[in-house]
Each structure stands twice: as structure tokens, then as C-alpha cells.
Amino acid sequence: AAQLGGGLLVDHATSVVIGETAKIGSNCTILHGVTLGGTGKERGDRHPKIGNNVVLGAGATVLGNIIVGDGATIGSQAVVTKEVPPGMTCVGLNKLLDPNISFNRRETVKKREETWQYEVAGYEI
């Protein structure tokens, strides 16, 4: 059976799936539509281990026997299949956002001639 820590907040608790070997630490927040599941490739202990004070955004999917560190944030609709270090934010498909990067972003937008896409330059550090 899954192990749930104290102070767990499951907000709008519809469509939440927690695998049988998952562990969730204390004071975590899980929004609607979150899946803590297996990859289908493992047997035995096959579900995620969620640290303390973690926020799992709406529709987030965390798959496999991985660790999401204390104080991490998983963005809405993110798909996580790799470990997330403590205090980090993960969005999209395993994309980590570094909390130490300055938010003074210098944008340089360049249109790519061969497509409709645009490229945006990096961050100032």
C-alpha cells in the first residue's frame, strides 16, 4: 500500500492516481489529475518517492521508481521520468528550472527563416 505523510493536501481530488508502492512525504500538495505511477518496465518497488513539502501541479505525471526531492515543485501537466533534486522546479518533459538563475532575462528573438518558429536567447547570470 502507498505511504502518505502527514499534512497532505489533495486539492480538487478528482482523477488522482497513486501507485501501490508510492511514498509521499509530509506537508505535500497534490492538485487534481496527478498520476504517481509505474513505467510498466519494473516489478516490485516501481512507483515514485515524493519528498517533504513538494507541490505537484494539476495533471502532473511522475513515473517510475524515482525520487522527487524535498521542496521541489512539479508544474502542471509536467511528465517526470527522471529524479528531481531538492528545491528544483520541473516543467514539461523532465525540464528542470534552476532557482539560482536571475529573472532579469535578456530576450533576443530571431525568426528562423526555414520555419514559422522563433528562437529566444538565454538568461543573464
Foldseek 3Di string as FASTA:
>chain_A
DEAEEELEAEAPAEQEAFDPLEYAYYNEYHYAQEYFEEPVPDPDNWTDYEYYCEYEEHNEYEYTHEYEAACEYEYHNAYHDYYHYHNWYAYHDRDTDDPPFDPPADWDWDQDPVDRDIDTDGGDD
